[in-house]
Amino acid sequence: MRHRVLIVDDSQAYLEAACVLLEREGLVVAGVASSSQDAFRCVETLRPDVVLVDISLGEESGLELAQRLVEDGRSDRAGVILISTRSEEDVADAIVASPAAGFISKAELSAAAIHRIVDGRLR
């Protein structure tokens, strides 16, 4: 299954690099967003299967965005996965407290890592 992904990150350079990487690996990048407001709009209009949310969205909190996406029911179709430049160990408490389906370090971002989380959630 080719998952449709929305990437939410405040770094334009990272958004571009992640799009190239994930599309090269067979995923469809449905869109990108750089703020919570943009993310909500994109989730509503693009209906992605997966939303990758950077934990640190500049002055906003990606953790709060993930929480709101799930609580508001906007993630009915979309699985929320947290991403960060920090290691999983550094953000373990935040990950456990989050309703997100999982976490991927930005250095380890790949279609395979996304599939492992999404496919595991569907079982």
PDB file of N, CA and C in Angstrom:
ATOM      1  N   MET A   1       0.831  -1.185   0.000  1.00  0.00           N
ATOM      2  CA  MET A   1       0.000   0.000   0.000  1.00  0.00           C
ATOM      3  C   MET A   1       0.874   1.247   0.000  1.00  0.00           C
ATOM      4  N   ARG A   2       0.578   2.174  -0.863  1.00  0.00           N
ATOM      5  CA  ARG A   2       1.330   3.436  -0.923  1.00  0.00           C
ATOM      6  C   ARG A   2       0.662   4.457  -0.019  1.00  0.00           C
ATOM      7  N   HIS A   3       1.245   4.678   1.134  1.00  0.00           N
ATOM      8  CA  HIS A   3       0.681   5.623   2.089  1.00  0.00           C
ATOM      9  C   HIS A   3       0.852   7.060   1.593  1.00  0.00           C
ATOM     10  N   ARG A   4      -0.170   7.870   1.837  1.00  0.00           N
ATOM     11  CA  ARG A   4      -0.130   9.309   1.533  1.00  0.00           C
ATOM     12  C   ARG A   4       0.265  10.021   2.818  1.00  0.00           C
ATOM     13  N   VAL A   5       1.324  10.815   2.737  1.00  0.00           N
ATOM     14  CA  VAL A   5       1.934  11.414   3.923  1.00  0.00           C
ATOM     15  C   VAL A   5       1.843  12.939   3.874  1.00  0.00           C
ATOM     16  N   LEU A   6       1.552  13.531   5.030  1.00  0.00           N
ATOM     17  CA  LEU A   6       1.659  14.975   5.231  1.00  0.00           C
ATOM     18  C   LEU A   6       2.822  15.182   6.188  1.00  0.00           C
ATOM     19  N   ILE A   7       3.742  16.063   5.840  1.00  0.00           N
ATOM     20  CA  ILE A   7       4.898  16.342   6.694  1.00  0.00           C
ATOM     21  C   ILE A   7       4.724  17.731   7.295  1.00  0.00           C
ATOM     22  N   VAL A   8       4.800  17.817   8.631  1.00  0.00           N
ATOM     23  CA  VAL A   8       4.649  19.092   9.335  1.00  0.00           C
ATOM     24  C   VAL A   8       5.963  19.409  10.032  1.00  0.00           C
ATOM     25  N   ASP A   9       6.634  20.455   9.547  1.00  0.00           N
ATOM     26  CA  ASP A   9       7.938  20.842  10.084  1.00  0.00           C
ATOM     27  C   ASP A   9       8.165  22.311   9.768  1.00  0.00           C
ATOM     28  N   ASP A  10       8.818  23.033  10.659  1.00  0.00           N
ATOM     29  CA  ASP A  10       9.049  24.458  10.426  1.00  0.00           C
ATOM     30  C   ASP A  10      10.317  24.746   9.617  1.00  0.00           C
ATOM     31  N   SER A  11      11.048  23.716   9.248  1.00  0.00           N
ATOM     32  CA  SER A  11      12.262  23.889   8.448  1.00  0.00           C
ATOM     33  C   SER A  11      11.967  23.583   6.976  1.00  0.00           C
ATOM     34  N   GLN A  12      12.046  24.598   6.147  1.00  0.00           N
ATOM     35  CA  GLN A  12      11.790  24.410   4.719  1.00  0.00           C
ATOM     36  C   GLN A  12      12.805  23.437   4.102  1.00  0.00           C
ATOM     37  N   ALA A  13      14.043  23.536   4.517  1.00  0.00           N
ATOM     38  CA  ALA A  13      15.078  22.636   3.989  1.00  0.00           C
ATOM     39  C   ALA A  13      14.757  21.182   4.345  1.00  0.00           C
ATOM     40  N   TYR A  14      14.311  20.941   5.574  1.00  0.00           N
ATOM     41  CA  TYR A  14      13.971  19.571   5.966  1.00  0.00           C
ATOM     42  C   TYR A  14      12.752  19.079   5.196  1.00  0.00           C
ATOM     43  N   LEU A  15      11.750  19.933   5.026  1.00  0.00           N
ATOM     44  CA  LEU A  15      10.564  19.533   4.271  1.00  0.00           C
ATOM     45  C   LEU A  15      10.944  19.078   2.868  1.00  0.00           C
ATOM     46  N   GLU A  16      11.795  19.838   2.218  1.00  0.00           N
ATOM     47  CA  GLU A  16      12.218  19.491   0.854  1.00  0.00           C
ATOM     48  C   GLU A  16      12.980  18.174   0.828  1.00  0.00           C
ATOM     49  N   ALA A  17      13.912  18.004   1.765  1.00  0.00           N
ATOM     50  CA  ALA A  17      14.714  16.782   1.799  1.00  0.00           C
ATOM     51  C   ALA A  17      13.847  15.559   2.120  1.00  0.00           C
ATOM     52  N   ALA A  18      12.932  15.707   3.069  1.00  0.00           N
ATOM     53  CA  ALA A  18      12.062  14.589   3.447  1.00  0.00           C
ATOM     54  C   ALA A  18      11.139  14.201   2.296  1.00  0.00           C
ATOM     55  N   CYS A  19      10.642  15.192   1.573  1.00  0.00           N
ATOM     56  CA  CYS A  19       9.783  14.901   0.411  1.00  0.00           C
ATOM     57  C   CYS A  19      10.529  14.068  -0.618  1.00  0.00           C
ATOM     58  N   VAL A  20      11.732  14.486  -0.958  1.00  0.00           N
ATOM     59  CA  VAL A  20      12.537  13.761  -1.950  1.00  0.00           C
ATOM     60  C   VAL A  20      12.801  12.337  -1.477  1.00  0.00           C
ATOM     61  N   LEU A  21      13.227  12.191  -0.232  1.00  0.00           N
ATOM     62  CA  LEU A  21      13.543  10.870   0.312  1.00  0.00           C
ATOM     63  C   LEU A  21      12.327   9.950   0.291  1.00  0.00           C
ATOM     64  N   LEU A  22      11.204  10.407   0.844  1.00  0.00           N
ATOM     65  CA  LEU A  22      10.030   9.540   0.957  1.00  0.00           C
ATOM     66  C   LEU A  22       9.426   9.205  -0.397  1.00  0.00           C
ATOM     67  N   GLU A  23       9.409  10.161  -1.307  1.00  0.00           N
ATOM     68  CA  GLU A  23       8.886   9.871  -2.647  1.00  0.00           C
ATOM     69  C   GLU A  23       9.794   8.899  -3.384  1.00  0.00           C
ATOM     70  N   ARG A  24      11.090   9.043  -3.217  1.00  0.00           N
ATOM     71  CA  ARG A  24      12.041   8.118  -3.833  1.00  0.00           C
ATOM     72  C   ARG A  24      11.831   6.698  -3.317  1.00  0.00           C
ATOM     73  N   GLU A  25      11.380   6.591  -2.056  1.00  0.00           N
ATOM     74  CA  GLU A  25      11.163   5.281  -1.450  1.00  0.00           C
ATOM     75  C   GLU A  25       9.735   4.760  -1.657  1.00  0.00           C
ATOM     76  N   GLY A  26       8.950   5.452  -2.477  1.00  0.00           N
ATOM     77  CA  GLY A  26       7.650   4.927  -2.859  1.00  0.00           C
ATOM     78  C   GLY A  26       6.432   5.471  -2.142  1.00  0.00           C
ATOM     79  N   LEU A  27       6.623   6.381  -1.200  1.00  0.00           N
ATOM     80  CA  LEU A  27       5.469   6.999  -0.545  1.00  0.00           C
ATOM     81  C   LEU A  27       4.997   8.185  -1.373  1.00  0.00           C
ATOM     82  N   VAL A  28       3.752   8.572  -1.166  1.00  0.00           N
ATOM     83  CA  VAL A  28       3.205   9.756  -1.817  1.00  0.00           C
ATOM     84  C   VAL A  28       3.172  10.864  -0.777  1.00  0.00           C
ATOM     85  N   VAL A  29       3.903  11.940  -1.016  1.00  0.00           N
ATOM     86  CA  VAL A  29       3.839  13.083  -0.117  1.00  0.00           C
ATOM     87  C   VAL A  29       2.671  13.941  -0.596  1.00  0.00           C
ATOM     88  N   ALA A  30       1.573  13.859   0.147  1.00  0.00           N
ATOM     89  CA  ALA A  30       0.349  14.573  -0.219  1.00  0.00           C
ATOM     90  C   ALA A  30       0.505  16.068  -0.024  1.00  0.00           C
ATOM     91  N   GLY A  31       1.352  16.461   0.934  1.00  0.00           N
ATOM     92  CA  GLY A  31       1.561  17.878   1.186  1.00  0.00           C
ATOM     93  C   GLY A  31       2.517  18.107   2.328  1.00  0.00           C
ATOM     94  N   VAL A  32       2.808  19.378   2.543  1.00  0.00           N
ATOM     95  CA  VAL A  32       3.669  19.799   3.647  1.00  0.00           C
ATOM     96  C   VAL A  32       3.002  20.977   4.341  1.00  0.00           C
ATOM     97  N   ALA A  33       3.345  21.147   5.613  1.00  0.00           N
ATOM     98  CA  ALA A  33       2.840  22.266   6.400  1.00  0.00           C
ATOM     99  C   ALA A  33       3.947  22.714   7.344  1.00  0.00           C
ATOM    100  N   SER A  34       3.946  23.995   7.667  1.00  0.00           N
ATOM    101  CA  SER A  34       4.985  24.506   8.556  1.00  0.00           C
ATOM    102  C   SER A  34       4.424  25.066   9.857  1.00  0.00           C
ATOM    103  N   SER A  35       3.111  24.938  10.071  1.00  0.00           N
ATOM    104  CA  SER A  35       2.492  25.409  11.308  1.00  0.00           C
ATOM    105  C   SER A  35       1.281  24.535  11.623  1.00  0.00           C
ATOM    106  N   SER A  36       0.790  24.653  12.838  1.00  0.00           N
ATOM    107  CA  SER A  36      -0.401  23.891  13.233  1.00  0.00           C
ATOM    108  C   SER A  36      -1.597  24.264  12.373  1.00  0.00           C
ATOM    109  N   GLN A  37      -1.762  25.546  12.131  1.00  0.00           N
ATOM    110  CA  GLN A  37      -2.887  26.006  11.314  1.00  0.00           C
ATOM    111  C   GLN A  37      -2.827  25.398   9.917  1.00  0.00           C
ATOM    112  N   ASP A  38      -1.644  25.432   9.300  1.00  0.00           N
ATOM    113  CA  ASP A  38      -1.471  24.819   7.981  1.00  0.00           C
ATOM    114  C   ASP A  38      -1.741  23.313   8.043  1.00  0.00           C
ATOM    115  N   ALA A  39      -1.280  22.671   9.115  1.00  0.00           N
ATOM    116  CA  ALA A  39      -1.460  21.223   9.254  1.00  0.00           C
ATOM    117  C   ALA A  39      -2.934  20.857   9.318  1.00  0.00           C
ATOM    118  N   PHE A  40      -3.709  21.580  10.106  1.00  0.00           N
ATOM    119  CA  PHE A  40      -5.145  21.289  10.194  1.00  0.00           C
ATOM    120  C   PHE A  40      -5.822  21.448   8.843  1.00  0.00           C
ATOM    121  N   ARG A  41      -5.478  22.509   8.152  1.00  0.00           N
ATOM    122  CA  ARG A  41      -6.066  22.747   6.824  1.00  0.00           C
ATOM    123  C   ARG A  41      -5.707  21.615   5.865  1.00  0.00           C
ATOM    124  N   CYS A  42      -4.436  21.216   5.880  1.00  0.00           N
ATOM    125  CA  CYS A  42      -3.979  20.144   4.983  1.00  0.00           C
ATOM    126  C   CYS A  42      -4.623  18.804   5.316  1.00  0.00           C
ATOM    127  N   VAL A  43      -4.781  18.494   6.596  1.00  0.00           N
ATOM    128  CA  VAL A  43      -5.412  17.233   6.984  1.00  0.00           C
ATOM    129  C   VAL A  43      -6.849  17.203   6.465  1.00  0.00           C
ATOM    130  N   GLU A  44      -7.545  18.328   6.600  1.00  0.00           N
ATOM    131  CA  GLU A  44      -8.932  18.401   6.143  1.00  0.00           C
ATOM    132  C   GLU A  44      -9.047  18.259   4.622  1.00  0.00           C
ATOM    133  N   THR A  45      -8.174  18.933   3.897  1.00  0.00           N
ATOM    134  CA  THR A  45      -8.311  18.941   2.436  1.00  0.00           C
ATOM    135  C   THR A  45      -7.606  17.783   1.749  1.00  0.00           C
ATOM    136  N   LEU A  46      -6.474  17.350   2.262  1.00  0.00           N
ATOM    137  CA  LEU A  46      -5.669  16.329   1.586  1.00  0.00           C
ATOM    138  C   LEU A  46      -5.963  14.908   2.062  1.00  0.00           C
ATOM    139  N   ARG A  47      -6.508  14.763   3.258  1.00  0.00           N
ATOM    140  CA  ARG A  47      -6.862  13.460   3.817  1.00  0.00           C
ATOM    141  C   ARG A  47      -5.700  12.450   3.767  1.00  0.00           C
ATOM    142  N   PRO A  48      -4.549  12.802   4.353  1.00  0.00           N
ATOM    143  CA  PRO A  48      -3.407  11.878   4.325  1.00  0.00           C
ATOM    144  C   PRO A  48      -3.644  10.662   5.208  1.00  0.00           C
ATOM    145  N   ASP A  49      -2.917   9.601   4.917  1.00  0.00           N
ATOM    146  CA  ASP A  49      -2.963   8.393   5.749  1.00  0.00           C
ATOM    147  C   ASP A  49      -2.099   8.563   6.990  1.00  0.00           C
ATOM    148  N   VAL A  50      -1.015   9.324   6.836  1.00  0.00           N
ATOM    149  CA  VAL A  50      -0.034   9.514   7.895  1.00  0.00           C
ATOM    150  C   VAL A  50       0.328  10.996   7.981  1.00  0.00           C
ATOM    151  N   VAL A  51       0.426  11.504   9.218  1.00  0.00           N
ATOM    152  CA  VAL A  51       0.890  12.872   9.441  1.00  0.00           C
ATOM    153  C   VAL A  51       2.164  12.789  10.273  1.00  0.00           C
ATOM    154  N   LEU A  52       3.279  13.210   9.685  1.00  0.00           N
ATOM    155  CA  LEU A  52       4.552  13.280  10.402  1.00  0.00           C
ATOM    156  C   LEU A  52       4.627  14.650  11.052  1.00  0.00           C
ATOM    157  N   VAL A  53       4.757  14.713  12.366  1.00  0.00           N
ATOM    158  CA  VAL A  53       4.734  15.981  13.093  1.00  0.00           C
ATOM    159  C   VAL A  53       6.036  16.174  13.847  1.00  0.00           C
ATOM    160  N   ASP A  54       6.753  17.256  13.510  1.00  0.00           N
ATOM    161  CA  ASP A  54       7.969  17.599  14.234  1.00  0.00           C
ATOM    162  C   ASP A  54       7.592  18.011  15.655  1.00  0.00           C
ATOM    163  N   ILE A  55       8.257  17.456  16.637  1.00  0.00           N
ATOM    164  CA  ILE A  55       7.963  17.769  18.033  1.00  0.00           C
ATOM    165  C   ILE A  55       8.167  19.258  18.303  1.00  0.00           C
ATOM    166  N   SER A  56       9.195  19.852  17.700  1.00  0.00           N
ATOM    167  CA  SER A  56       9.479  21.277  17.896  1.00  0.00           C
ATOM    168  C   SER A  56       9.122  22.038  16.636  1.00  0.00           C
ATOM    169  N   LEU A  57       7.985  22.696  16.661  1.00  0.00           N
ATOM    170  CA  LEU A  57       7.511  23.467  15.499  1.00  0.00           C
ATOM    171  C   LEU A  57       7.796  24.950  15.706  1.00  0.00           C
ATOM    172  N   GLY A  58       9.046  25.296  15.844  1.00  0.00           N
ATOM    173  CA  GLY A  58       9.388  26.694  16.082  1.00  0.00           C
ATOM    174  C   GLY A  58       8.795  27.152  17.399  1.00  0.00           C
ATOM    175  N   GLU A  59       7.914  28.139  17.349  1.00  0.00           N
ATOM    176  CA  GLU A  59       7.288  28.659  18.559  1.00  0.00           C
ATOM    177  C   GLU A  59       6.072  27.835  18.977  1.00  0.00           C
ATOM    178  N   GLU A  60       5.680  26.859  18.163  1.00  0.00           N
ATOM    179  CA  GLU A  60       4.542  26.006  18.476  1.00  0.00           C
ATOM    180  C   GLU A  60       5.028  24.661  19.004  1.00  0.00           C
ATOM    181  N   SER A  61       4.117  23.889  19.535  1.00  0.00           N
ATOM    182  CA  SER A  61       4.450  22.567  20.032  1.00  0.00           C
ATOM    183  C   SER A  61       3.861  21.498  19.121  1.00  0.00           C
ATOM    184  N   GLY A  62       4.728  20.690  18.552  1.00  0.00           N
ATOM    185  CA  GLY A  62       4.257  19.570  17.755  1.00  0.00           C
ATOM    186  C   GLY A  62       3.532  18.545  18.606  1.00  0.00           C
ATOM    187  N   LEU A  63       3.904  18.450  19.880  1.00  0.00           N
ATOM    188  CA  LEU A  63       3.212  17.536  20.785  1.00  0.00           C
ATOM    189  C   LEU A  63       1.761  17.962  20.961  1.00  0.00           C
ATOM    190  N   GLU A  64       1.536  19.266  21.104  1.00  0.00           N
ATOM    191  CA  GLU A  64       0.166  19.777  21.225  1.00  0.00           C
ATOM    192  C   GLU A  64      -0.607  19.551  19.931  1.00  0.00           C
ATOM    193  N   LEU A  65       0.050  19.755  18.790  1.00  0.00           N
ATOM    194  CA  LEU A  65      -0.600  19.521  17.507  1.00  0.00           C
ATOM    195  C   LEU A  65      -1.025  18.061  17.391  1.00  0.00           C
ATOM    196  N   ALA A  66      -0.144  17.144  17.717  1.00  0.00           N
ATOM    197  CA  ALA A  66      -0.469  15.714  17.649  1.00  0.00           C
ATOM    198  C   ALA A  66      -1.665  15.403  18.546  1.00  0.00           C
ATOM    199  N   GLN A  67      -1.651  15.947  19.751  1.00  0.00           N
ATOM    200  CA  GLN A  67      -2.752  15.742  20.696  1.00  0.00           C
ATOM    201  C   GLN A  67      -4.065  16.244  20.106  1.00  0.00           C
ATOM    202  N   ARG A  68      -4.050  17.441  19.542  1.00  0.00           N
ATOM    203  CA  ARG A  68      -5.265  18.026  18.982  1.00  0.00           C
ATOM    204  C   ARG A  68      -5.760  17.253  17.760  1.00  0.00           C
ATOM    205  N   LEU A  69      -4.860  16.803  16.913  1.00  0.00           N
ATOM    206  CA  LEU A  69      -5.270  16.024  15.738  1.00  0.00           C
ATOM    207  C   LEU A  69      -6.033  14.772  16.157  1.00  0.00           C
ATOM    208  N   VAL A  70      -5.541  14.110  17.190  1.00  0.00           N
ATOM    209  CA  VAL A  70      -6.185  12.895  17.655  1.00  0.00           C
ATOM    210  C   VAL A  70      -7.480  13.215  18.404  1.00  0.00           C
ATOM    211  N   GLU A  71      -7.426  14.166  19.336  1.00  0.00           N
ATOM    212  CA  GLU A  71      -8.606  14.505  20.134  1.00  0.00           C
ATOM    213  C   GLU A  71      -9.747  15.054  19.293  1.00  0.00           C
ATOM    214  N   ASP A  72      -9.418  15.859  18.293  1.00  0.00           N
ATOM    215  CA  ASP A  72     -10.445  16.453  17.437  1.00  0.00           C
ATOM    216  C   ASP A  72     -10.996  15.462  16.417  1.00  0.00           C
ATOM    217  N   GLY A  73     -10.444  14.259  16.408  1.00  0.00           N
ATOM    218  CA  GLY A  73     -10.910  13.252  15.459  1.00  0.00           C
ATOM    219  C   GLY A  73     -10.429  13.495  14.045  1.00  0.00           C
ATOM    220  N   ARG A  74      -9.487  14.390  13.874  1.00  0.00           N
ATOM    221  CA  ARG A  74      -8.991  14.686  12.528  1.00  0.00           C
ATOM    222  C   ARG A  74      -8.044  13.606  12.037  1.00  0.00           C
ATOM    223  N   SER A  75      -7.658  12.739  12.925  1.00  0.00           N
ATOM    224  CA  SER A  75      -6.742  11.675  12.514  1.00  0.00           C
ATOM    225  C   SER A  75      -7.478  10.360  12.304  1.00  0.00           C
ATOM    226  N   ASP A  76      -8.789  10.412  12.027  1.00  0.00           N
ATOM    227  CA  ASP A  76      -9.525   9.182  11.755  1.00  0.00           C
ATOM    228  C   ASP A  76      -8.831   8.386  10.655  1.00  0.00           C
ATOM    229  N   ARG A  77      -8.455   9.055   9.581  1.00  0.00           N
ATOM    230  CA  ARG A  77      -7.742   8.415   8.474  1.00  0.00           C
ATOM    231  C   ARG A  77      -6.247   8.512   8.660  1.00  0.00           C
ATOM    232  N   ALA A  78      -5.816   9.506   9.373  1.00  0.00           N
ATOM    233  CA  ALA A  78      -4.380   9.788   9.446  1.00  0.00           C
ATOM    234  C   ALA A  78      -3.771   9.296  10.745  1.00  0.00           C
ATOM    235  N   GLY A  79      -2.731   8.502  10.629  1.00  0.00           N
ATOM    236  CA  GLY A  79      -1.955   8.107  11.791  1.00  0.00           C
ATOM    237  C   GLY A  79      -0.931   9.203  12.049  1.00  0.00           C
ATOM    238  N   VAL A  80      -0.786   9.589  13.281  1.00  0.00           N
ATOM    239  CA  VAL A  80       0.156  10.647  13.640  1.00  0.00           C
ATOM    240  C   VAL A  80       1.446  10.008  14.129  1.00  0.00           C
ATOM    241  N   ILE A  81       2.558  10.418  13.534  1.00  0.00           N
ATOM    242  CA  ILE A  81       3.883   9.943  13.931  1.00  0.00           C
ATOM    243  C   ILE A  81       4.730  11.163  14.263  1.00  0.00           C
ATOM    244  N   LEU A  82       5.333  11.157  15.436  1.00  0.00           N
ATOM    245  CA  LEU A  82       6.206  12.250  15.849  1.00  0.00           C
ATOM    246  C   LEU A  82       7.591  12.061  15.234  1.00  0.00           C
ATOM    247  N   ILE A  83       8.216  13.194  14.865  1.00  0.00           N
ATOM    248  CA  ILE A  83       9.588  13.173  14.361  1.00  0.00           C
ATOM    249  C   ILE A  83      10.387  14.238  15.113  1.00  0.00           C
ATOM    250  N   SER A  84      11.691  14.054  15.183  1.00  0.00           N
ATOM    251  CA  SER A  84      12.545  15.030  15.860  1.00  0.00           C
ATOM    252  C   SER A  84      14.001  14.781  15.516  1.00  0.00           C
ATOM    253  N   THR A  85      14.802  15.823  15.644  1.00  0.00           N
ATOM    254  CA  THR A  85      16.247  15.661  15.513  1.00  0.00           C
ATOM    255  C   THR A  85      16.814  15.026  16.778  1.00  0.00           C
ATOM    256  N   ARG A  86      16.072  15.096  17.868  1.00  0.00           N
ATOM    257  CA  ARG A  86      16.506  14.503  19.121  1.00  0.00           C
ATOM    258  C   ARG A  86      16.273  12.992  19.077  1.00  0.00           C
ATOM    259  N   SER A  87      17.005  12.280  19.887  1.00  0.00           N
ATOM    260  CA  SER A  87      16.869  10.818  19.916  1.00  0.00           C
ATOM    261  C   SER A  87      15.601  10.425  20.662  1.00  0.00           C
ATOM    262  N   GLU A  88      15.188   9.196  20.431  1.00  0.00           N
ATOM    263  CA  GLU A  88      13.995   8.680  21.103  1.00  0.00           C
ATOM    264  C   GLU A  88      14.173   8.703  22.617  1.00  0.00           C
ATOM    265  N   GLU A  89      15.362   8.413  23.082  1.00  0.00           N
ATOM    266  CA  GLU A  89      15.627   8.430  24.520  1.00  0.00           C
ATOM    267  C   GLU A  89      15.451   9.829  25.102  1.00  0.00           C
ATOM    268  N   ASP A  90      15.831  10.853  24.342  1.00  0.00           N
ATOM    269  CA  ASP A  90      15.723  12.234  24.821  1.00  0.00           C
ATOM    270  C   ASP A  90      14.281  12.696  24.964  1.00  0.00           C
ATOM    271  N   VAL A  91      13.380  12.119  24.207  1.00  0.00           N
ATOM    272  CA  VAL A  91      11.981  12.558  24.225  1.00  0.00           C
ATOM    273  C   VAL A  91      11.031  11.433  24.635  1.00  0.00           C
ATOM    274  N   ALA A  92      11.561  10.420  25.293  1.00  0.00           N
ATOM    275  CA  ALA A  92      10.777   9.229  25.648  1.00  0.00           C
ATOM    276  C   ALA A  92       9.531   9.565  26.459  1.00  0.00           C
ATOM    277  N   ASP A  93       9.647  10.431  27.448  1.00  0.00           N
ATOM    278  CA  ASP A  93       8.483  10.761  28.281  1.00  0.00           C
ATOM    279  C   ASP A  93       7.394  11.433  27.457  1.00  0.00           C
ATOM    280  N   ALA A  94       7.778  12.332  26.561  1.00  0.00           N
ATOM    281  CA  ALA A  94       6.813  13.027  25.709  1.00  0.00           C
ATOM    282  C   ALA A  94       6.137  12.052  24.747  1.00  0.00           C
ATOM    283  N   ILE A  95       6.893  11.101  24.243  1.00  0.00           N
ATOM    284  CA  ILE A  95       6.335  10.110  23.318  1.00  0.00           C
ATOM    285  C   ILE A  95       5.297   9.246  24.032  1.00  0.00           C
ATOM    286  N   VAL A  96       5.632   8.793  25.216  1.00  0.00           N
ATOM    287  CA  VAL A  96       4.721   7.941  25.980  1.00  0.00           C
ATOM    288  C   VAL A  96       3.431   8.692  26.308  1.00  0.00           C
ATOM    289  N   ALA A  97       3.539   9.976  26.621  1.00  0.00           N
ATOM    290  CA  ALA A  97       2.360  10.781  26.985  1.00  0.00           C
ATOM    291  C   ALA A  97       1.530  11.180  25.766  1.00  0.00           C
ATOM    292  N   SER A  98       2.075  11.040  24.591  1.00  0.00           N
ATOM    293  CA  SER A  98       1.401  11.465  23.364  1.00  0.00           C
ATOM    294  C   SER A  98       0.490  10.365  22.813  1.00  0.00           C
ATOM    295  N   PRO A  99      -0.596  10.766  22.158  1.00  0.00           N
ATOM    296  CA  PRO A  99      -1.457   9.775  21.506  1.00  0.00           C
ATOM    297  C   PRO A  99      -0.944   9.361  20.126  1.00  0.00           C
ATOM    298  N   ALA A 100       0.226   9.856  19.745  1.00  0.00           N
ATOM    299  CA  ALA A 100       0.795   9.525  18.434  1.00  0.00           C
ATOM    300  C   ALA A 100       1.041   8.025  18.328  1.00  0.00           C
ATOM    301  N   ALA A 101       0.988   7.527  17.108  1.00  0.00           N
ATOM    302  CA  ALA A 101       1.192   6.098  16.851  1.00  0.00           C
ATOM    303  C   ALA A 101       2.629   5.670  17.087  1.00  0.00           C
ATOM    304  N   GLY A 102       3.568   6.625  16.993  1.00  0.00           N
ATOM    305  CA  GLY A 102       4.964   6.271  17.179  1.00  0.00           C
ATOM    306  C   GLY A 102       5.881   7.450  16.987  1.00  0.00           C
ATOM    307  N   PHE A 103       7.184   7.157  16.949  1.00  0.00           N
ATOM    308  CA  PHE A 103       8.226   8.180  16.830  1.00  0.00           C
ATOM    309  C   PHE A 103       9.303   7.683  15.875  1.00  0.00           C
ATOM    310  N   ILE A 104       9.807   8.616  15.062  1.00  0.00           N
ATOM    311  CA  ILE A 104      10.943   8.332  14.191  1.00  0.00           C
ATOM    312  C   ILE A 104      11.919   9.495  14.300  1.00  0.00           C
ATOM    313  N   SER A 105      13.166   9.187  14.584  1.00  0.00           N
ATOM    314  CA  SER A 105      14.205  10.208  14.559  1.00  0.00           C
ATOM    315  C   SER A 105      14.346  10.695  13.123  1.00  0.00           C
ATOM    316  N   LYS A 106      14.554  11.987  12.937  1.00  0.00           N
ATOM    317  CA  LYS A 106      14.698  12.519  11.577  1.00  0.00           C
ATOM    318  C   LYS A 106      15.847  11.847  10.839  1.00  0.00           C
ATOM    319  N   ALA A 107      16.884  11.482  11.560  1.00  0.00           N
ATOM    320  CA  ALA A 107      18.029  10.816  10.937  1.00  0.00           C
ATOM    321  C   ALA A 107      17.663   9.418  10.434  1.00  0.00           C
ATOM    322  N   GLU A 108      16.596   8.839  10.994  1.00  0.00           N
ATOM    323  CA  GLU A 108      16.191   7.482  10.619  1.00  0.00           C
ATOM    324  C   GLU A 108      14.909   7.458   9.803  1.00  0.00           C
ATOM    325  N   LEU A 109      14.455   8.624   9.354  1.00  0.00           N
ATOM    326  CA  LEU A 109      13.218   8.692   8.574  1.00  0.00           C
ATOM    327  C   LEU A 109      13.358   7.892   7.284  1.00  0.00           C
ATOM    328  N   SER A 110      12.376   7.025   7.042  1.00  0.00           N
ATOM    329  CA  SER A 110      12.346   6.235   5.814  1.00  0.00           C
ATOM    330  C   SER A 110      10.937   5.705   5.629  1.00  0.00           C
ATOM    331  N   ALA A 111      10.650   5.267   4.423  1.00  0.00           N
ATOM    332  CA  ALA A 111       9.362   4.642   4.160  1.00  0.00           C
ATOM    333  C   ALA A 111       9.217   3.383   5.012  1.00  0.00           C
ATOM    334  N   ALA A 112      10.289   2.627   5.170  1.00  0.00           N
ATOM    335  CA  ALA A 112      10.245   1.397   5.966  1.00  0.00           C
ATOM    336  C   ALA A 112       9.892   1.696   7.416  1.00  0.00           C
ATOM    337  N   ALA A 113      10.471   2.750   7.992  1.00  0.00           N
ATOM    338  CA  ALA A 113      10.174   3.114   9.381  1.00  0.00           C
ATOM    339  C   ALA A 113       8.708   3.514   9.529  1.00  0.00           C
ATOM    340  N   ILE A 114       8.187   4.247   8.561  1.00  0.00           N
ATOM    341  CA  ILE A 114       6.773   4.644   8.587  1.00  0.00           C
ATOM    342  C   ILE A 114       5.888   3.411   8.473  1.00  0.00           C
ATOM    343  N   HIS A 115       6.208   2.514   7.547  1.00  0.00           N
ATOM    344  CA  HIS A 115       5.423   1.288   7.376  1.00  0.00           C
ATOM    345  C   HIS A 115       5.413   0.450   8.651  1.00  0.00           C
ATOM    346  N   ARG A 116       6.566   0.341   9.327  1.00  0.00           N
ATOM    347  CA  ARG A 116       6.622  -0.450  10.563  1.00  0.00           C
ATOM    348  C   ARG A 116       5.616   0.071  11.589  1.00  0.00           C
ATOM    349  N   ILE A 117       5.536   1.388  11.722  1.00  0.00           N
ATOM    350  CA  ILE A 117       4.616   1.971  12.709  1.00  0.00           C
ATOM    351  C   ILE A 117       3.172   1.832  12.252  1.00  0.00           C
ATOM    352  N   VAL A 118       2.905   2.224  11.031  1.00  0.00           N
ATOM    353  CA  VAL A 118       1.523   2.199  10.524  1.00  0.00           C
ATOM    354  C   VAL A 118       0.998   0.778  10.419  1.00  0.00           C
ATOM    355  N   ASP A 119       1.772  -0.119   9.860  1.00  0.00           N
ATOM    356  CA  ASP A 119       1.313  -1.504   9.699  1.00  0.00           C
ATOM    357  C   ASP A 119       1.139  -2.180  11.053  1.00  0.00           C
ATOM    358  N   GLY A 120       1.995  -1.844  12.012  1.00  0.00           N
ATOM    359  CA  GLY A 120       1.851  -2.388  13.356  1.00  0.00           C
ATOM    360  C   GLY A 120       0.595  -1.895  14.038  1.00  0.00           C
ATOM    361  N   ARG A 121       0.224  -0.659  13.767  1.00  0.00           N
ATOM    362  CA  ARG A 121      -0.982  -0.081  14.358  1.00  0.00           C
ATOM    363  C   ARG A 121      -2.245  -0.714  13.779  1.00  0.00           C
ATOM    364  N   LEU A 122      -2.191  -1.155  12.540  1.00  0.00           N
ATOM    365  CA  LEU A 122      -3.372  -1.703  11.870  1.00  0.00           C
ATOM    366  C   LEU A 122      -3.661  -3.141  12.281  1.00  0.00           C
ATOM    367  N   ARG A 123      -2.738  -3.785  12.952  1.00  0.00           N
ATOM    368  CA  ARG A 123      -2.941  -5.193  13.332  1.00  0.00           C
ATOM    369  C   ARG A 123      -3.839  -5.315  14.522  1.00  0.00           C
TER     370      ARG A 123
END
